Amino acid sequence: MTLRIERSSRAELVVLSLTGRVEIEDVAELQRILGLEESGCPIALDLKDVTLIDRDAVKFLARCEGDSIRLENCPAYIREWIGQDRNASRQRENLSG
């Protein structure tokens, strides 16, 4: 199943619900869609129906969270991978700086 993205809003929050697989090919489309939203508008990505995610997409989600985009219904394994990605990034920064 390819990725399906549905936009909804609730209480001044834009919610993008993701369904299916999130792979590197989908990141550009997600970035494009996020770029269409009004600047300063709170955004959440609902990951409840994500069935599979690749490493590049996890890195993208980590960046989203760093940019104040909420991750709702984030499966534990994705949360763990985001944490691992952040730790690896910090270690690289410490080594280079």
Protein backbone atom coordinates (compact mmCIF):
# COMPACT_ATOMS: atom_id res chain seq x y z
CA MET A 1 0.00 0.00 0.00
CA THR A 2 1.35 3.41 -0.93
CA LEU A 3 1.07 6.43 1.31
CA ARG A 4 -2.26 8.23 1.56
CA ILE A 5 -2.42 11.67 3.17
CA GLU A 6 -5.67 13.17 4.45
CA ARG A 7 -5.90 16.75 5.72
CA SER A 8 -8.33 17.79 8.43
CA SER A 9 -8.49 20.49 11.09
CA ARG A 10 -9.59 20.65 14.65
CA ALA A 11 -9.42 23.59 17.04
CA GLU A 12 -6.95 25.66 15.00
CA LEU A 13 -4.72 22.61 14.41
CA VAL A 14 -4.07 21.18 10.95
CA VAL A 15 -3.86 17.38 11.07
CA LEU A 16 -2.33 15.34 8.27
CA SER A 17 -3.29 11.69 8.73
CA LEU A 18 -0.86 9.28 7.11
CA THR A 19 -2.00 5.83 6.03
CA GLY A 20 0.19 3.05 4.61
CA ARG A 21 3.92 3.03 3.93
CA VAL A 22 6.09 6.10 4.41
CA GLU A 23 9.24 5.83 2.30
CA ILE A 24 11.92 8.19 1.01
CA GLU A 25 9.86 8.83 -2.13
CA ASP A 26 7.04 10.20 0.05
CA VAL A 27 9.17 12.68 1.98
CA ALA A 28 9.27 15.23 -0.86
CA GLU A 29 5.47 15.15 -1.17
CA LEU A 30 5.06 15.54 2.59
CA GLN A 31 7.46 18.51 2.54
CA ARG A 32 5.48 20.06 -0.32
CA ILE A 33 2.17 19.64 1.52
CA LEU A 34 3.61 21.03 4.76
CA GLY A 35 4.93 24.02 2.81
CA LEU A 36 1.39 24.82 1.63
CA GLU A 37 0.18 25.36 5.19
CA GLU A 38 -0.06 28.87 6.59
CA SER A 39 3.10 29.95 8.38
CA GLY A 40 2.77 29.69 12.14
CA CYS A 41 -0.24 27.39 11.95
CA PRO A 42 0.11 24.43 14.35
CA ILE A 43 0.43 21.13 12.48
CA ALA A 44 0.22 17.51 13.60
CA LEU A 45 1.03 14.33 11.72
CA ASP A 46 -1.22 11.45 12.77
CA LEU A 47 0.74 8.21 12.37
CA LYS A 48 -1.94 5.83 13.68
CA ASP A 49 -2.37 4.04 10.34
CA VAL A 50 1.29 3.94 9.23
CA THR A 51 2.12 0.32 8.41
CA LEU A 52 5.78 0.63 7.44
CA ILE A 53 8.39 3.37 7.51
CA ASP A 54 11.95 3.54 6.21
CA ARG A 55 14.99 5.14 7.86
CA ASP A 56 14.91 8.29 5.70
CA ALA A 57 11.27 8.89 6.59
CA VAL A 58 12.14 8.48 10.30
CA LYS A 59 14.83 11.16 9.92
CA PHE A 60 12.25 13.40 8.27
CA LEU A 61 9.81 12.86 11.17
CA ALA A 62 12.56 13.72 13.65
CA ARG A 63 13.17 16.99 11.77
CA CYS A 64 9.42 17.68 11.76
CA GLU A 65 9.29 17.29 15.52
CA GLY A 66 12.28 19.61 15.82
CA ASP A 67 10.27 22.15 13.79
CA SER A 68 7.37 21.94 16.31
CA ILE A 69 5.19 19.62 14.22
CA ARG A 70 3.41 17.24 16.59
CA LEU A 71 3.51 13.50 15.98
CA GLU A 72 0.22 12.00 17.13
CA ASN A 73 -0.46 8.30 17.65
CA CYS A 74 3.20 7.59 16.98
CA PRO A 75 3.92 3.84 17.23
CA ALA A 76 6.53 2.90 19.83
CA TYR A 77 8.97 1.53 17.26
CA ILE A 78 8.92 4.80 15.30
CA ARG A 79 9.39 6.79 18.53
CA GLU A 80 12.38 4.57 19.38
CA TRP A 81 13.94 5.07 15.93
CA ILE A 82 13.49 8.85 16.22
CA GLY A 83 15.28 8.73 19.58
CA GLN A 84 18.12 6.68 18.07
CA ASP A 85 18.40 9.14 15.18
CA ARG A 86 18.61 12.10 17.57
CA ASN A 87 21.28 10.37 19.67
CA ALA A 88 23.34 9.57 16.57
CA SER A 89 23.03 13.20 15.38
CA ARG A 90 24.19 14.50 18.77
CA GLN A 91 27.16 12.15 18.74
CA ARG A 92 28.17 13.33 15.26
CA GLU A 93 27.89 16.96 16.37
CA ASN A 94 30.03 16.30 19.45
CA LEU A 95 32.71 14.62 17.35
CA SER A 96 32.81 17.42 14.79
CA GLY A 97 32.56 20.37 17.05
